[in-house]
């Protein structure tokens, strides 16, 4: 995994990852409080945590999976 994004791309991915994990925490709180139905919402929370965690990994590693597949991203 070679670094394929610049500092601006790393910053966007780190900020996006932290925001996504924050949204996951809010969703988990709503599920635990009973505001959201507990069944399938846990899958949404888990997917949000995995997505946010992967964004953090991309930001820290300086590696973007989309760019690694050959697509050009604007950031």
Protein backbone atom coordinates (compact mmCIF):
# COMPACT_ATOMS: atom_id res chain seq x y z
CA UNK A 1 0.00 0.00 0.00
CA UNK A 2 1.79 3.01 -1.33
CA UNK A 3 0.82 6.54 -0.34
CA UNK A 4 -1.44 7.81 -3.12
CA UNK A 5 -3.11 10.91 -1.61
CA UNK A 6 -1.74 14.28 -0.55
CA UNK A 7 -2.08 16.09 2.79
CA UNK A 8 -5.42 17.65 1.80
CA UNK A 9 -6.88 14.24 0.97
CA UNK A 10 -5.58 12.81 4.24
CA UNK A 11 -7.19 15.65 6.19
CA UNK A 12 -10.55 15.18 4.46
CA UNK A 13 -10.53 11.46 5.17
CA UNK A 14 -9.56 11.92 8.83
CA UNK A 15 -12.24 14.56 9.44
CA UNK A 16 -14.81 12.48 7.57
CA UNK A 17 -13.87 9.40 9.58
CA UNK A 18 -14.26 11.19 12.90
CA UNK A 19 -17.60 12.67 11.81
CA UNK A 20 -18.83 9.26 10.69
CA UNK A 21 -17.83 7.69 14.01
CA UNK A 22 -19.63 10.53 15.81
CA UNK A 23 -22.78 9.79 13.82
CA UNK A 24 -22.39 6.12 14.75
CA UNK A 25 -22.26 7.07 18.43
CA UNK A 26 -25.42 9.16 18.10
CA UNK A 27 -27.21 6.32 16.30
CA UNK A 28 -26.10 3.82 18.95
CA UNK A 29 -27.39 6.13 21.66
CA UNK A 30 -30.75 6.45 19.94
CA UNK A 31 -31.01 2.67 19.58
CA UNK A 32 -30.11 2.08 23.23
CA UNK A 33 -32.58 4.75 24.36
CA UNK A 34 -35.34 3.02 22.45
CA UNK A 35 -35.97 5.86 20.03
CA UNK A 36 -35.02 3.64 17.10
CA UNK A 37 -36.21 0.07 16.80
CA UNK A 38 -33.44 -2.21 18.10
CA UNK A 39 -33.57 -4.87 15.38
CA UNK A 40 -31.92 -3.82 12.16
CA UNK A 41 -30.61 -0.45 13.37
CA UNK A 42 -27.65 -2.23 14.95
CA UNK A 43 -26.56 -3.24 11.45
CA UNK A 44 -26.68 0.43 10.43
CA UNK A 45 -24.57 1.34 13.48
CA UNK A 46 -22.06 -1.42 12.70
CA UNK A 47 -21.78 -0.36 9.06
CA UNK A 48 -21.27 3.26 10.07
CA UNK A 49 -18.53 2.29 12.53
CA UNK A 50 -16.77 0.16 9.92
CA UNK A 51 -17.00 2.90 7.31
CA UNK A 52 -15.70 5.57 9.68
CA UNK A 53 -12.90 3.32 10.87
CA UNK A 54 -11.85 2.62 7.29
CA UNK A 55 -11.85 6.34 6.52
CA UNK A 56 -9.56 6.92 9.51
CA UNK A 57 -7.26 4.16 8.29
CA UNK A 58 -7.10 5.72 4.82
CA UNK A 59 -6.30 9.11 6.30
CA UNK A 60 -3.55 7.87 8.58
CA UNK A 61 -2.02 5.54 5.99
CA UNK A 62 -2.28 8.08 3.16
CA UNK A 63 -3.82 5.42 0.97
CA UNK A 64 -7.14 5.61 -0.88
CA UNK A 65 -8.79 2.41 -2.09
CA UNK A 66 -10.62 4.23 -4.90
CA UNK A 67 -7.38 5.70 -6.22
CA UNK A 68 -5.71 2.32 -5.88
CA UNK A 69 -8.36 0.93 -8.27
CA UNK A 70 -7.34 3.52 -10.88
CA UNK A 71 -10.06 6.14 -10.45
CA UNK A 72 -9.07 9.80 -10.13
CA UNK A 73 -10.66 11.61 -7.20
CA UNK A 74 -10.89 15.42 -7.07
CA UNK A 75 -9.24 15.68 -3.63
